[in-house]
Amino acid sequence: TPQGRFVDPRERPLGLRPGVAHLLARM
């Protein structure tokens, strides 16, 4: 869950944390 916290489903922007992006760049 890249948001890393509970977030209302209508909230924008989603505010993703960077961990998954770093993982994709490495894999």
PDB file of all heavy atoms in Angstrom:
ATOM      1  N   THR A   1       0.878  -1.178   0.000  1.00  0.00           N
ATOM      2  CA  THR A   1       0.000   0.000   0.000  1.00  0.00           C
ATOM      3  C   THR A   1       0.915   1.227   0.000  1.00  0.00           C
ATOM      4  O   THR A   1       1.328   1.699   1.058  1.00  0.00           O
ATOM      5  CB  THR A   1      -0.923   0.003   1.232  1.00  0.00           C
ATOM      6  OG1 THR A   1      -0.139  -0.169   2.418  1.00  0.00           O
ATOM      7  CG2 THR A   1      -1.944  -1.119   1.139  1.00  0.00           C
ATOM      8  N   PRO A   2       1.255   1.758  -1.180  1.00  0.00           N
ATOM      9  CA  PRO A   2       2.273   2.809  -1.273  1.00  0.00           C
ATOM     10  C   PRO A   2       1.908   4.109  -0.544  1.00  0.00           C
ATOM     11  O   PRO A   2       2.795   4.935  -0.305  1.00  0.00           O
ATOM     12  CB  PRO A   2       2.385   3.054  -2.785  1.00  0.00           C
ATOM     13  CG  PRO A   2       1.812   1.849  -3.426  1.00  0.00           C
ATOM     14  CD  PRO A   2       0.765   1.338  -2.506  1.00  0.00           C
ATOM     15  N   GLN A   3       0.644   4.302  -0.201  1.00  0.00           N
ATOM     16  CA  GLN A   3       0.286   5.501   0.546  1.00  0.00           C
ATOM     17  C   GLN A   3       0.815   5.443   1.973  1.00  0.00           C
ATOM     18  O   GLN A   3       1.052   6.476   2.591  1.00  0.00           O
ATOM     19  CB  GLN A   3      -1.237   5.685   0.549  1.00  0.00           C
ATOM     20  CG  GLN A   3      -1.799   6.068  -0.813  1.00  0.00           C
ATOM     21  CD  GLN A   3      -3.313   5.968  -0.858  1.00  0.00           C
ATOM     22  OE1 GLN A   3      -3.873   4.885  -0.691  1.00  0.00           O
ATOM     23  NE2 GLN A   3      -3.981   7.083  -1.075  1.00  0.00           N
ATOM     24  N   GLY A   4       0.966   4.241   2.502  1.00  0.00           N
ATOM     25  CA  GLY A   4       1.570   4.076   3.809  1.00  0.00           C
ATOM     26  C   GLY A   4       0.716   4.523   4.977  1.00  0.00           C
ATOM     27  O   GLY A   4       1.185   4.569   6.120  1.00  0.00           O
ATOM     28  N   ARG A   5      -0.534   4.843   4.740  1.00  0.00           N
ATOM     29  CA  ARG A   5      -1.443   5.288   5.795  1.00  0.00           C
ATOM     30  C   ARG A   5      -2.865   5.143   5.277  1.00  0.00           C
ATOM     31  O   ARG A   5      -3.088   4.995   4.070  1.00  0.00           O
ATOM     32  CB  ARG A   5      -1.189   6.750   6.180  1.00  0.00           C
ATOM     33  CG  ARG A   5      -1.385   7.722   5.008  1.00  0.00           C
ATOM     34  CD  ARG A   5      -0.943   9.148   5.318  1.00  0.00           C
ATOM     35  NE  ARG A   5      -1.110  10.018   4.156  1.00  0.00           N
ATOM     36  CZ  ARG A   5      -2.215  10.712   3.887  1.00  0.00           C
ATOM     37  NH1 ARG A   5      -3.266  10.636   4.718  1.00  0.00           N
ATOM     38  NH2 ARG A   5      -2.287  11.483   2.820  1.00  0.00           N
ATOM     39  N   PHE A   6      -3.833   5.183   6.200  1.00  0.00           N
ATOM     40  CA  PHE A   6      -5.224   5.161   5.774  1.00  0.00           C
ATOM     41  C   PHE A   6      -5.571   6.488   5.101  1.00  0.00           C
ATOM     42  O   PHE A   6      -5.309   7.571   5.649  1.00  0.00           O
ATOM     43  CB  PHE A   6      -6.153   4.950   6.962  1.00  0.00           C
ATOM     44  CG  PHE A   6      -6.038   3.583   7.589  1.00  0.00           C
ATOM     45  CD1 PHE A   6      -5.869   3.445   8.950  1.00  0.00           C
ATOM     46  CD2 PHE A   6      -6.096   2.450   6.810  1.00  0.00           C
ATOM     47  CE1 PHE A   6      -5.764   2.186   9.531  1.00  0.00           C
ATOM     48  CE2 PHE A   6      -5.991   1.179   7.369  1.00  0.00           C
ATOM     49  CZ  PHE A   6      -5.828   1.051   8.734  1.00  0.00           C
ATOM     50  N   VAL A   7      -6.171   6.406   3.906  1.00  0.00           N
ATOM     51  CA  VAL A   7      -6.499   7.599   3.124  1.00  0.00           C
ATOM     52  C   VAL A   7      -7.900   7.436   2.547  1.00  0.00           C
ATOM     53  O   VAL A   7      -8.237   6.383   1.998  1.00  0.00           O
ATOM     54  CB  VAL A   7      -5.488   7.807   1.972  1.00  0.00           C
ATOM     55  CG1 VAL A   7      -5.836   9.067   1.182  1.00  0.00           C
ATOM     56  CG2 VAL A   7      -4.069   7.906   2.517  1.00  0.00           C
ATOM     57  N   ASP A   8      -8.711   8.466   2.651  1.00  0.00           N
ATOM     58  CA  ASP A   8     -10.037   8.431   2.048  1.00  0.00           C
ATOM     59  C   ASP A   8      -9.916   8.146   0.552  1.00  0.00           C
ATOM     60  O   ASP A   8      -9.040   8.700  -0.118  1.00  0.00           O
ATOM     61  CB  ASP A   8     -10.745   9.776   2.266  1.00  0.00           C
ATOM     62  CG  ASP A   8     -12.191   9.731   1.811  1.00  0.00           C
ATOM     63  OD1 ASP A   8     -12.437   9.915   0.599  1.00  0.00           O
ATOM     64  OD2 ASP A   8     -13.076   9.519   2.661  1.00  0.00           O
ATOM     65  N   PRO A   9     -10.784   7.272  -0.002  1.00  0.00           N
ATOM     66  CA  PRO A   9     -10.637   6.899  -1.409  1.00  0.00           C
ATOM     67  C   PRO A   9     -10.832   8.044  -2.390  1.00  0.00           C
ATOM     68  O   PRO A   9     -10.458   7.919  -3.555  1.00  0.00           O
ATOM     69  CB  PRO A   9     -11.715   5.816  -1.600  1.00  0.00           C
ATOM     70  CG  PRO A   9     -12.689   6.028  -0.499  1.00  0.00           C
ATOM     71  CD  PRO A   9     -11.895   6.549   0.648  1.00  0.00           C
ATOM     72  N   ARG A  10     -11.406   9.164  -1.943  1.00  0.00           N
ATOM     73  CA  ARG A  10     -11.594  10.313  -2.844  1.00  0.00           C
ATOM     74  C   ARG A  10     -10.476  11.354  -2.715  1.00  0.00           C
ATOM     75  O   ARG A  10     -10.466  12.341  -3.432  1.00  0.00           O
ATOM     76  CB  ARG A  10     -12.940  10.988  -2.560  1.00  0.00           C
ATOM     77  CG  ARG A  10     -14.163  10.081  -2.685  1.00  0.00           C
ATOM     78  CD  ARG A  10     -14.408   9.647  -4.127  1.00  0.00           C
ATOM     79  NE  ARG A  10     -15.700   8.981  -4.249  1.00  0.00           N
ATOM     80  CZ  ARG A  10     -15.861   7.673  -4.153  1.00  0.00           C
ATOM     81  NH1 ARG A  10     -14.822   6.893  -3.934  1.00  0.00           N
ATOM     82  NH2 ARG A  10     -17.058   7.126  -4.269  1.00  0.00           N
ATOM     83  N   GLU A  11      -9.550  11.147  -1.817  1.00  0.00           N
ATOM     84  CA  GLU A  11      -8.482  12.145  -1.622  1.00  0.00           C
ATOM     85  C   GLU A  11      -7.527  12.138  -2.806  1.00  0.00           C
ATOM     86  O   GLU A  11      -7.059  11.102  -3.250  1.00  0.00           O
ATOM     87  CB  GLU A  11      -7.721  11.845  -0.329  1.00  0.00           C
ATOM     88  CG  GLU A  11      -6.638  12.878  -0.010  1.00  0.00           C
ATOM     89  CD  GLU A  11      -5.979  12.630   1.338  1.00  0.00           C
ATOM     90  OE1 GLU A  11      -6.727  12.339   2.307  1.00  0.00           O
ATOM     91  OE2 GLU A  11      -4.733  12.721   1.428  1.00  0.00           O
ATOM     92  N   ARG A  12      -7.228  13.330  -3.309  1.00  0.00           N
ATOM     93  CA  ARG A  12      -6.273  13.510  -4.391  1.00  0.00           C
ATOM     94  C   ARG A  12      -5.369  14.696  -4.062  1.00  0.00           C
ATOM     95  O   ARG A  12      -5.847  15.692  -3.545  1.00  0.00           O
ATOM     96  CB  ARG A  12      -6.983  13.771  -5.738  1.00  0.00           C
ATOM     97  CG  ARG A  12      -7.961  12.697  -6.166  1.00  0.00           C
ATOM     98  CD  ARG A  12      -7.247  11.388  -6.579  1.00  0.00           C
ATOM     99  NE  ARG A  12      -8.214  10.414  -7.088  1.00  0.00           N
ATOM    100  CZ  ARG A  12      -8.883   9.551  -6.330  1.00  0.00           C
ATOM    101  NH1 ARG A  12      -8.706   9.529  -5.011  1.00  0.00           N
ATOM    102  NH2 ARG A  12      -9.747   8.704  -6.865  1.00  0.00           N
ATOM    103  N   PRO A  13      -4.068  14.607  -4.330  1.00  0.00           N
ATOM    104  CA  PRO A  13      -3.354  13.451  -4.869  1.00  0.00           C
ATOM    105  C   PRO A  13      -3.279  12.325  -3.851  1.00  0.00           C
ATOM    106  O   PRO A  13      -3.523  12.525  -2.660  1.00  0.00           O
ATOM    107  CB  PRO A  13      -1.978  14.016  -5.198  1.00  0.00           C
ATOM    108  CG  PRO A  13      -1.795  15.143  -4.229  1.00  0.00           C
ATOM    109  CD  PRO A  13      -3.158  15.751  -4.071  1.00  0.00           C
ATOM    110  N   LEU A  14      -2.899  11.160  -4.335  1.00  0.00           N
ATOM    111  CA  LEU A  14      -2.854  10.000  -3.459  1.00  0.00           C
ATOM    112  C   LEU A  14      -1.734  10.091  -2.429  1.00  0.00           C
ATOM    113  O   LEU A  14      -1.840   9.538  -1.341  1.00  0.00           O
ATOM    114  CB  LEU A  14      -2.681   8.720  -4.287  1.00  0.00           C
ATOM    115  CG  LEU A  14      -3.787   8.400  -5.285  1.00  0.00           C
ATOM    116  CD1 LEU A  14      -3.454   7.106  -6.022  1.00  0.00           C
ATOM    117  CD2 LEU A  14      -5.139   8.290  -4.607  1.00  0.00           C
ATOM    118  N   GLY A  15      -0.656  10.788  -2.783  1.00  0.00           N
ATOM    119  CA  GLY A  15       0.442  10.966  -1.840  1.00  0.00           C
ATOM    120  C   GLY A  15       1.217   9.685  -1.585  1.00  0.00           C
ATOM    121  O   GLY A  15       1.367   9.263  -0.439  1.00  0.00           O
ATOM    122  N   LEU A  16       1.741   9.082  -2.661  1.00  0.00           N
ATOM    123  CA  LEU A  16       2.465   7.820  -2.514  1.00  0.00           C
ATOM    124  C   LEU A  16       3.851   8.043  -1.927  1.00  0.00           C
ATOM    125  O   LEU A  16       4.536   9.008  -2.259  1.00  0.00           O
ATOM    126  CB  LEU A  16       2.597   7.129  -3.879  1.00  0.00           C
ATOM    127  CG  LEU A  16       1.307   6.893  -4.670  1.00  0.00           C
ATOM    128  CD1 LEU A  16       1.620   6.085  -5.923  1.00  0.00           C
ATOM    129  CD2 LEU A  16       0.256   6.201  -3.826  1.00  0.00           C
ATOM    130  N   ARG A  17       4.257   7.133  -1.063  1.00  0.00           N
ATOM    131  CA  ARG A  17       5.615   7.150  -0.558  1.00  0.00           C
ATOM    132  C   ARG A  17       6.559   6.576  -1.617  1.00  0.00           C
ATOM    133  O   ARG A  17       6.145   5.829  -2.500  1.00  0.00           O
ATOM    134  CB  ARG A  17       5.696   6.355   0.744  1.00  0.00           C
ATOM    135  CG  ARG A  17       4.922   7.028   1.886  1.00  0.00           C
ATOM    136  CD  ARG A  17       5.119   6.312   3.187  1.00  0.00           C
ATOM    137  NE  ARG A  17       4.412   6.983   4.280  1.00  0.00           N
ATOM    138  CZ  ARG A  17       4.431   6.595   5.550  1.00  0.00           C
ATOM    139  NH1 ARG A  17       5.130   5.508   5.890  1.00  0.00           N
ATOM    140  NH2 ARG A  17       3.786   7.256   6.479  1.00  0.00           N
ATOM    141  N   PRO A  18       7.850   6.894  -1.538  1.00  0.00           N
ATOM    142  CA  PRO A  18       8.754   6.576  -2.662  1.00  0.00           C
ATOM    143  C   PRO A  18       9.270   5.148  -2.710  1.00  0.00           C
ATOM    144  O   PRO A  18       9.921   4.769  -3.685  1.00  0.00           O
ATOM    145  CB  PRO A  18       9.916   7.547  -2.436  1.00  0.00           C
ATOM    146  CG  PRO A  18       9.945   7.774  -0.960  1.00  0.00           C
ATOM    147  CD  PRO A  18       8.498   7.744  -0.524  1.00  0.00           C
ATOM    148  N   GLY A  19       9.002   4.330  -1.695  1.00  0.00           N
ATOM    149  CA  GLY A  19       9.627   3.013  -1.635  1.00  0.00           C
ATOM    150  C   GLY A  19       9.361   2.129  -2.832  1.00  0.00           C
ATOM    151  O   GLY A  19      10.281   1.501  -3.379  1.00  0.00           O
ATOM    152  N   VAL A  20       8.119   2.053  -3.274  1.00  0.00           N
ATOM    153  CA  VAL A  20       7.776   1.172  -4.400  1.00  0.00           C
ATOM    154  C   VAL A  20       8.404   1.686  -5.696  1.00  0.00           C
ATOM    155  O   VAL A  20       8.851   0.899  -6.538  1.00  0.00           O
ATOM    156  CB  VAL A  20       6.251   1.042  -4.551  1.00  0.00           C
ATOM    157  CG1 VAL A  20       5.910   0.151  -5.732  1.00  0.00           C
ATOM    158  CG2 VAL A  20       5.642   0.467  -3.282  1.00  0.00           C
ATOM    159  N   ALA A  21       8.468   3.006  -5.871  1.00  0.00           N
ATOM    160  CA  ALA A  21       9.108   3.570  -7.061  1.00  0.00           C
ATOM    161  C   ALA A  21      10.588   3.191  -7.111  1.00  0.00           C
ATOM    162  O   ALA A  21      11.120   2.844  -8.177  1.00  0.00           O
ATOM    163  CB  ALA A  21       8.944   5.087  -7.070  1.00  0.00           C
ATOM    164  N   HIS A  22      11.259   3.240  -5.981  1.00  0.00           N
ATOM    165  CA  HIS A  22      12.663   2.816  -5.938  1.00  0.00           C
ATOM    166  C   HIS A  22      12.786   1.325  -6.245  1.00  0.00           C
ATOM    167  O   HIS A  22      13.732   0.895  -6.933  1.00  0.00           O
ATOM    168  CB  HIS A  22      13.251   3.122  -4.561  1.00  0.00           C
ATOM    169  CG  HIS A  22      13.646   4.547  -4.382  1.00  0.00           C
ATOM    170  ND1 HIS A  22      14.899   5.025  -4.703  1.00  0.00           N
ATOM    171  CD2 HIS A  22      12.948   5.618  -3.912  1.00  0.00           C
ATOM    172  CE1 HIS A  22      14.960   6.322  -4.447  1.00  0.00           C
ATOM    173  NE2 HIS A  22      13.788   6.703  -3.958  1.00  0.00           N
ATOM    174  N   LEU A  23      11.834   0.536  -5.763  1.00  0.00           N
ATOM    175  CA  LEU A  23      11.868  -0.905  -6.027  1.00  0.00           C
ATOM    176  C   LEU A  23      11.703  -1.190  -7.515  1.00  0.00           C
ATOM    177  O   LEU A  23      12.425  -2.022  -8.086  1.00  0.00           O
ATOM    178  CB  LEU A  23      10.765  -1.590  -5.223  1.00  0.00           C
ATOM    179  CG  LEU A  23      10.660  -3.111  -5.340  1.00  0.00           C
ATOM    180  CD1 LEU A  23      11.947  -3.792  -4.903  1.00  0.00           C
ATOM    181  CD2 LEU A  23       9.470  -3.620  -4.521  1.00  0.00           C
ATOM    182  N   LEU A  24      10.786  -0.503  -8.176  1.00  0.00           N
ATOM    183  CA  LEU A  24      10.564  -0.708  -9.606  1.00  0.00           C
ATOM    184  C   LEU A  24      11.773  -0.275 -10.426  1.00  0.00           C
ATOM    185  O   LEU A  24      12.104  -0.909 -11.436  1.00  0.00           O
ATOM    186  CB  LEU A  24       9.314   0.054 -10.053  1.00  0.00           C
ATOM    187  CG  LEU A  24       7.990  -0.533  -9.569  1.00  0.00           C
ATOM    188  CD1 LEU A  24       6.844   0.446  -9.808  1.00  0.00           C
ATOM    189  CD2 LEU A  24       7.701  -1.856 -10.272  1.00  0.00           C
ATOM    190  N   ALA A  25      12.430   0.792  -9.985  1.00  0.00           N
ATOM    191  CA  ALA A  25      13.619   1.247 -10.703  1.00  0.00           C
ATOM    192  C   ALA A  25      14.754   0.229 -10.600  1.00  0.00           C
ATOM    193  O   ALA A  25      15.614   0.156 -11.478  1.00  0.00           O
ATOM    194  CB  ALA A  25      14.071   2.595 -10.147  1.00  0.00           C
ATOM    195  N   ARG A  26      14.738  -0.570  -9.543  1.00  0.00           N
ATOM    196  CA  ARG A  26      15.791  -1.560  -9.324  1.00  0.00           C
ATOM    197  C   ARG A  26      15.443  -2.932  -9.896  1.00  0.00           C
ATOM    198  O   ARG A  26      16.330  -3.792  -9.993  1.00  0.00           O
ATOM    199  CB  ARG A  26      16.055  -1.726  -7.826  1.00  0.00           C
ATOM    200  CG  ARG A  26      16.596  -0.490  -7.152  1.00  0.00           C
ATOM    201  CD  ARG A  26      16.893  -0.784  -5.684  1.00  0.00           C
ATOM    202  NE  ARG A  26      17.389   0.382  -4.990  1.00  0.00           N
ATOM    203  CZ  ARG A  26      18.071   0.331  -3.842  1.00  0.00           C
ATOM    204  NH1 ARG A  26      18.331  -0.849  -3.287  1.00  0.00           N
ATOM    205  NH2 ARG A  26      18.495   1.432  -3.258  1.00  0.00           N
ATOM    206  N   MET A  27      14.162  -3.175 -10.211  1.00  0.00           N
ATOM    207  CA  MET A  27      13.733  -4.505 -10.615  1.00  0.00           C
ATOM    208  C   MET A  27      13.017  -4.477 -11.966  1.00  0.00           C
ATOM    209  O   MET A  27      11.784  -4.517 -12.030  1.00  0.00           O
ATOM    210  CB  MET A  27      12.816  -5.112  -9.555  1.00  0.00           C
ATOM    211  CG  MET A  27      13.507  -5.375  -8.234  1.00  0.00           C
ATOM    212  SD  MET A  27      12.702  -6.718  -7.332  1.00  0.00           S
ATOM    213  CE  MET A  27      13.069  -8.124  -8.378  1.00  0.00           C
TER     214      MET A  27
END
